[in-house]
Amino acid sequence: MTHVLKLDDWQVWQTAARLSHVTITERCRVIAAMAAESGVQPAGMTPAQIIEWLHSHPEWSDSTAATYQSYVGAWFKWLQLVDHRPDNPMVKVGTAHYPDREPRPISDEDMARLMGARMWRSTRIMILLAALAGLRVSEIARVRGEDVDLGARLIWVKGKGRKLRSIPLHPILVEVASTMPVKGWWFPMRGTPGAPMHGKSVSDVVGRTMRRAGVNATPHALRHWYATTLLANGADLRTVQELLRHKSLATTQVYTKVSDERRRQAVDDLDPLRWRTPAGRVDLVGDVLG
């Protein structure tokens, strides 16, 4: 059996497991690339060959390298599961370790600049769904009129793991939703109204709009703004976890990291001479700086 047939089998198996189309496509693409670049049949690769291939891409970010390594791990786990090979070489390669991530939300100033920029109405609605409902670009692409309950002020979202969750609609989104189709895709693919846009297309549209507005951020930074602003406004961590639809509270905790502005203000407020009287402080400061 060739590696192409095995990839086809793996694709069918993942589809049956109800993994997302994007995940399946990316996994198969990476394994096909590994086979083409290494010149080795991927089902029979040794730990040394896998490590050599992973290390042949210094241009990958740490996060990308960890993601691709996890794809390779999923491939060999499946091969062993369906008896295509007796061992799993990734046991010797090791587990992918993702770097510590800090949220990079769009700033309030950039948010105001973005919302004041000229753009298509559909693009503005995409941005509002990210900033006021915390939707990922892949989720924005697949919003349908049937997902919105205006009476309950909810939008139902099928996110990672194909889990269906409801999110309260912000008053602005309630107003927006009342003007959108009650059935069908809100953002249909151009020329194919029966299909939704791709998540990458949403990312490209929003990203271009950000650049035209002079905003140096990614579309995903809007979701980060949603999370960090909720916490800054007093929402508890458990509530934010539910709104972000994170499986683990630990994933949400990354948003509790103190902002650079608050850290800077905390340092600026330090006063090594605070126990002195104001009159004596000027002289002491002069002594310190002198």
Protein backbone atom coordinates (compact mmCIF):
# COMPACT_ATOMS: atom_id res chain seq x y z
CA MET A 1 0.00 0.00 0.00
CA THR A 2 1.48 3.36 -0.97
CA HIS A 3 1.69 6.35 1.31
CA VAL A 4 -0.91 8.11 -0.85
CA LEU A 5 -3.44 5.36 -0.14
CA LYS A 6 -2.64 5.51 3.55
CA LEU A 7 -3.19 9.26 3.54
CA ASP A 8 -6.53 8.72 1.85
CA ASP A 9 -7.45 6.16 4.50
CA TRP A 10 -6.36 8.52 7.25
CA GLN A 11 -8.45 11.30 5.76
CA VAL A 12 -11.53 9.06 5.76
CA TRP A 13 -10.83 7.98 9.35
CA GLN A 14 -10.50 11.59 10.53
CA THR A 15 -13.68 12.56 8.73
CA ALA A 16 -15.50 9.71 10.47
CA ALA A 17 -14.09 11.02 13.75
CA ARG A 18 -15.76 14.34 12.85
CA LEU A 19 -12.59 16.39 12.91
CA SER A 20 -12.83 19.74 11.17
CA HIS A 21 -12.11 20.01 7.45
CA VAL A 22 -9.32 22.52 8.15
CA THR A 23 -7.62 20.17 10.64
CA ILE A 24 -7.82 17.19 8.29
CA THR A 25 -6.54 19.16 5.31
CA GLU A 26 -3.61 20.65 7.24
CA ARG A 27 -2.60 17.33 8.77
CA CYS A 28 -2.56 15.58 5.40
CA ARG A 29 -0.72 18.47 3.77
CA VAL A 30 2.06 18.33 6.38
CA ILE A 31 2.50 14.56 6.07
CA ALA A 32 2.59 14.82 2.27
CA ALA A 33 5.21 17.58 2.54
CA MET A 34 7.27 15.45 4.92
CA ALA A 35 7.23 12.59 2.41
CA ALA A 36 8.14 14.82 -0.54
CA GLU A 37 10.95 16.68 1.24
CA SER A 38 12.51 13.67 2.95
CA GLY A 39 12.10 11.30 0.03
CA VAL A 40 11.03 8.60 2.46
CA GLN A 41 7.75 6.69 2.54
CA PRO A 42 6.08 8.42 5.54
CA ALA A 43 4.51 5.29 7.01
CA GLY A 44 7.96 3.73 7.45
CA MET A 45 10.01 6.68 8.71
CA THR A 46 12.42 6.14 11.58
CA PRO A 47 12.72 8.49 14.58
CA ALA A 48 16.02 9.82 13.18
CA GLN A 49 14.42 10.63 9.81
CA ILE A 50 11.51 12.40 11.49
CA ILE A 51 13.84 14.48 13.66
CA GLU A 52 15.99 15.34 10.65
CA TRP A 53 12.93 16.58 8.76
CA LEU A 54 11.64 18.63 11.69
CA HIS A 55 15.05 20.24 12.13
CA SER A 56 15.34 21.04 8.42
CA HIS A 57 12.90 23.94 8.85
CA PRO A 58 14.56 26.60 11.03
CA GLU A 59 12.23 29.18 9.48
CA TRP A 60 9.26 27.77 11.40
CA SER A 61 8.23 29.58 14.55
CA ASP A 62 8.27 27.56 17.78
CA SER A 63 4.48 27.41 17.69
CA THR A 64 4.38 26.20 14.06
CA ALA A 65 7.05 23.58 14.73
CA ALA A 66 5.09 22.27 17.72
CA THR A 67 1.86 22.16 15.70
CA TYR A 68 3.47 20.27 12.81
CA GLN A 69 5.12 17.85 15.23
CA SER A 70 1.71 17.17 16.74
CA TYR A 71 0.36 16.42 13.25
CA VAL A 72 3.15 13.92 12.68
CA GLY A 73 2.37 12.40 16.07
CA ALA A 74 -1.30 12.01 15.12
CA TRP A 75 -0.26 10.31 11.87
CA PHE A 76 1.91 7.67 13.52
CA LYS A 77 -0.59 7.12 16.33
CA TRP A 78 -3.19 6.30 13.68
CA LEU A 79 -0.81 4.02 11.77
CA GLN A 80 -0.22 2.01 14.93
CA LEU A 81 -3.91 2.00 15.84
CA VAL A 82 -4.94 0.47 12.52
CA ASP A 83 -2.00 -1.98 12.48
CA HIS A 84 -0.08 -0.37 9.61
CA ARG A 85 3.05 -0.51 11.77
CA PRO A 86 3.76 -2.15 15.14
CA ASP A 87 5.52 0.77 16.82
CA ASN A 88 5.14 4.52 17.20
CA PRO A 89 8.43 6.28 16.37
CA MET A 90 7.20 9.49 18.03
CA VAL A 91 7.82 7.85 21.40
CA LYS A 92 11.52 8.41 20.70
CA VAL A 93 11.04 11.77 19.00
CA GLY A 94 9.18 13.21 21.98
CA THR A 95 6.09 15.31 22.56
CA ALA A 96 5.61 18.70 20.97
CA HIS A 97 6.04 21.55 23.43
CA TYR A 98 4.23 24.77 22.67
CA PRO A 99 5.91 28.01 23.78
CA ASP A 100 4.30 30.07 26.51
CA ARG A 101 1.86 32.41 24.86
CA GLU A 102 0.83 35.86 25.93
CA PRO A 103 -2.35 37.43 24.62
CA ARG A 104 -1.76 40.23 22.15
CA PRO A 105 -5.05 42.11 22.08
CA ILE A 106 -5.62 45.05 19.81
CA SER A 107 -5.31 48.26 21.84
CA ASP A 108 -8.35 50.37 22.68
CA GLU A 109 -6.92 53.16 20.52
CA ASP A 110 -6.49 50.83 17.55
CA MET A 111 -9.96 49.41 18.12
CA ALA A 112 -11.41 52.92 17.86
CA ARG A 113 -9.30 53.59 14.76
CA LEU A 114 -10.48 50.36 13.16
CA MET A 115 -14.15 50.98 13.90
CA GLY A 116 -13.84 54.47 12.45
CA ALA A 117 -12.33 53.23 9.19
CA ARG A 118 -14.31 52.87 5.97
CA MET A 119 -15.08 49.28 5.06
CA TRP A 120 -17.75 47.05 3.59
CA ARG A 121 -20.69 46.42 5.88
CA SER A 122 -20.05 42.68 5.84
CA THR A 123 -16.46 43.27 6.99
CA ARG A 124 -17.65 45.44 9.87
CA ILE A 125 -20.01 42.68 10.98
CA MET A 126 -17.13 40.17 10.90
CA ILE A 127 -15.09 42.49 13.12
CA LEU A 128 -17.99 42.95 15.54
CA LEU A 129 -18.50 39.18 15.81
CA ALA A 130 -14.83 38.80 16.76
CA ALA A 131 -14.70 41.74 19.17
CA LEU A 132 -18.13 41.47 20.81
CA ALA A 133 -18.70 37.69 20.72
CA GLY A 134 -15.11 36.41 20.66
CA LEU A 135 -15.63 34.33 17.52
CA ARG A 136 -12.67 32.83 15.68
CA VAL A 137 -12.40 33.52 11.94
CA SER A 138 -13.45 29.94 11.11
CA GLU A 139 -16.55 30.41 13.29
CA ILE A 140 -17.38 33.78 11.74
CA ALA A 141 -17.24 32.22 8.29
CA ARG A 142 -19.91 29.68 9.23
CA VAL A 143 -22.47 31.91 10.97
CA ARG A 144 -26.01 31.23 9.71
CA GLY A 145 -29.28 32.97 10.36
CA GLU A 146 -30.51 29.79 12.04
CA ASP A 147 -27.73 30.16 14.66
CA VAL A 148 -29.18 33.39 16.04
CA ASP A 149 -31.98 33.56 18.62
CA LEU A 150 -32.98 37.19 18.83
CA GLY A 151 -35.61 36.51 21.46
CA ALA A 152 -33.07 34.98 23.83
CA ARG A 153 -30.27 37.28 22.58
CA LEU A 154 -28.02 34.32 21.86
CA ILE A 155 -25.84 33.08 19.03
CA TRP A 156 -25.04 29.38 18.81
CA VAL A 157 -21.50 28.57 17.73
CA LYS A 158 -19.92 25.25 16.79
CA GLY A 159 -16.28 25.68 17.74
CA LYS A 160 -13.29 23.43 18.31
CA GLY A 161 -14.20 19.79 18.79
CA ARG A 162 -17.49 20.52 16.99
CA LYS A 163 -19.06 21.42 20.32
CA LEU A 164 -22.12 23.64 20.13
CA ARG A 165 -22.17 26.51 22.61
CA SER A 166 -24.30 29.62 23.05
CA ILE A 167 -22.92 33.14 23.51
CA PRO A 168 -24.95 36.15 24.68
CA LEU A 169 -25.38 38.75 21.96
CA HIS A 170 -24.09 42.24 22.66
CA PRO A 171 -26.78 44.91 22.05
CA ILE A 172 -24.91 46.06 18.93
CA LEU A 173 -24.93 42.50 17.59
CA VAL A 174 -28.65 42.21 18.36
CA GLU A 175 -29.21 45.25 16.17
CA VAL A 176 -26.92 43.87 13.47
CA ALA A 177 -28.53 40.42 13.53
CA SER A 178 -31.98 41.91 13.04
CA THR A 179 -30.84 43.16 9.62
CA MET A 180 -29.22 39.89 8.50
CA PRO A 181 -30.80 36.86 6.79
CA VAL A 182 -32.80 34.65 9.18
CA LYS A 183 -31.79 31.59 7.14
CA GLY A 184 -28.63 30.62 5.35
CA TRP A 185 -25.02 31.76 5.54
CA TRP A 186 -24.32 35.32 6.58
CA PHE A 187 -21.07 35.28 4.61
CA PRO A 188 -21.57 33.01 1.57
CA MET A 189 -18.72 32.14 -0.72
CA ARG A 190 -18.59 34.43 -3.72
CA GLY A 191 -20.23 32.69 -6.66
CA THR A 192 -21.39 29.81 -4.47
CA PRO A 193 -24.20 31.08 -2.22
CA GLY A 194 -24.89 27.58 -0.93
CA ALA A 195 -21.47 27.39 0.75
CA PRO A 196 -19.85 29.56 3.43
CA MET A 197 -16.64 31.53 3.07
CA HIS A 198 -13.43 29.88 4.21
CA GLY A 199 -12.03 30.99 7.53
CA LYS A 200 -8.84 32.09 5.78
CA SER A 201 -10.90 34.34 3.53
CA VAL A 202 -12.43 36.02 6.59
CA SER A 203 -8.94 36.43 8.04
CA ASP A 204 -7.68 37.96 4.79
CA VAL A 205 -10.60 40.40 4.53
CA VAL A 206 -10.32 41.59 8.12
CA GLY A 207 -6.51 41.68 7.97
CA ARG A 208 -6.50 43.89 4.88
CA THR A 209 -8.98 46.24 6.54
CA MET A 210 -6.76 46.47 9.62
CA ARG A 211 -3.73 47.34 7.52
CA ARG A 212 -5.64 50.04 5.61
CA ALA A 213 -6.71 51.51 8.95
CA GLY A 214 -3.11 51.61 10.14
CA VAL A 215 -3.71 48.96 12.79
CA ASN A 216 -0.79 46.64 13.42
CA ALA A 217 -2.64 43.57 14.68
CA THR A 218 -4.09 40.27 13.53
CA PRO A 219 -7.78 39.38 13.25
CA HIS A 220 -7.33 36.99 16.21
CA ALA A 221 -6.25 40.00 18.30
CA LEU A 222 -9.93 41.01 18.29
CA ARG A 223 -10.78 37.83 20.22
CA HIS A 224 -7.92 38.62 22.59
CA TRP A 225 -9.38 42.11 23.09
CA TYR A 226 -12.73 40.51 23.89
CA ALA A 227 -11.17 38.33 26.59
CA THR A 228 -8.86 40.86 28.20
CA THR A 229 -11.53 43.58 28.20
CA LEU A 230 -14.06 41.26 29.84
CA LEU A 231 -11.56 40.55 32.62
CA ALA A 232 -10.58 44.21 32.95
CA ASN A 233 -14.26 45.11 33.30
CA GLY A 234 -14.62 42.74 36.26
CA ALA A 235 -15.87 39.49 34.71
CA ASP A 236 -14.64 36.47 36.68
CA LEU A 237 -12.32 33.95 35.08
CA ARG A 238 -14.90 31.15 35.01
CA THR A 239 -17.37 33.35 33.12
CA VAL A 240 -14.72 34.34 30.58
CA GLN A 241 -13.82 30.66 30.14
CA GLU A 242 -17.44 29.93 29.24
CA LEU A 243 -17.64 32.87 26.85
CA LEU A 244 -14.41 31.88 25.10
CA ARG A 245 -15.56 28.24 25.10
CA HIS A 246 -12.24 27.00 26.45
CA LYS A 247 -12.17 23.40 27.58
CA SER A 248 -9.62 24.14 30.30
CA LEU A 249 -9.51 27.04 32.73
CA ALA A 250 -5.73 26.99 32.34
CA THR A 251 -6.15 28.10 28.72
CA THR A 252 -8.20 31.09 29.83
CA GLN A 253 -5.72 32.04 32.55
CA VAL A 254 -3.27 33.28 29.94
CA TYR A 255 -5.54 36.32 29.59
CA THR A 256 -5.04 37.22 33.26
CA LYS A 257 -1.43 38.17 32.64
CA VAL A 258 -0.87 41.76 33.66
CA SER A 259 -0.72 44.20 30.77
CA ASP A 260 2.44 46.14 29.94
CA GLU A 261 0.67 49.38 30.85
CA ARG A 262 -0.25 48.16 34.31
CA ARG A 263 3.25 46.78 34.89
CA ARG A 264 4.78 50.06 33.75
CA GLN A 265 2.47 52.06 36.02
CA ALA A 266 3.31 49.80 38.96
CA VAL A 267 7.02 50.46 38.45
CA ASP A 268 6.50 54.21 37.96
CA ASP A 269 4.62 54.37 41.26
CA LEU A 270 7.60 53.02 43.20
CA ASP A 271 9.10 55.69 45.47
CA PRO A 272 12.29 54.79 47.36
CA LEU A 273 11.92 57.97 49.43
CA ARG A 274 8.26 57.73 50.31
CA TRP A 275 8.95 57.70 54.03
CA ARG A 276 10.56 61.15 53.82
CA THR A 277 8.72 64.44 54.11
CA PRO A 278 8.02 66.23 50.82
CA ALA A 279 10.37 69.04 51.79
CA GLY A 280 13.28 66.73 52.38
CA ARG A 281 12.55 64.57 49.36
CA VAL A 282 13.81 67.06 46.76
CA ASP A 283 17.24 67.19 48.30
CA LEU A 284 17.42 63.43 48.69
CA VAL A 285 16.41 62.90 45.06
CA GLY A 286 19.15 65.28 44.05
CA ASP A 287 21.62 63.33 46.15
CA VAL A 288 20.53 60.05 44.57
CA LEU A 289 20.74 61.36 41.00
CA GLY A 290 23.94 63.26 41.67
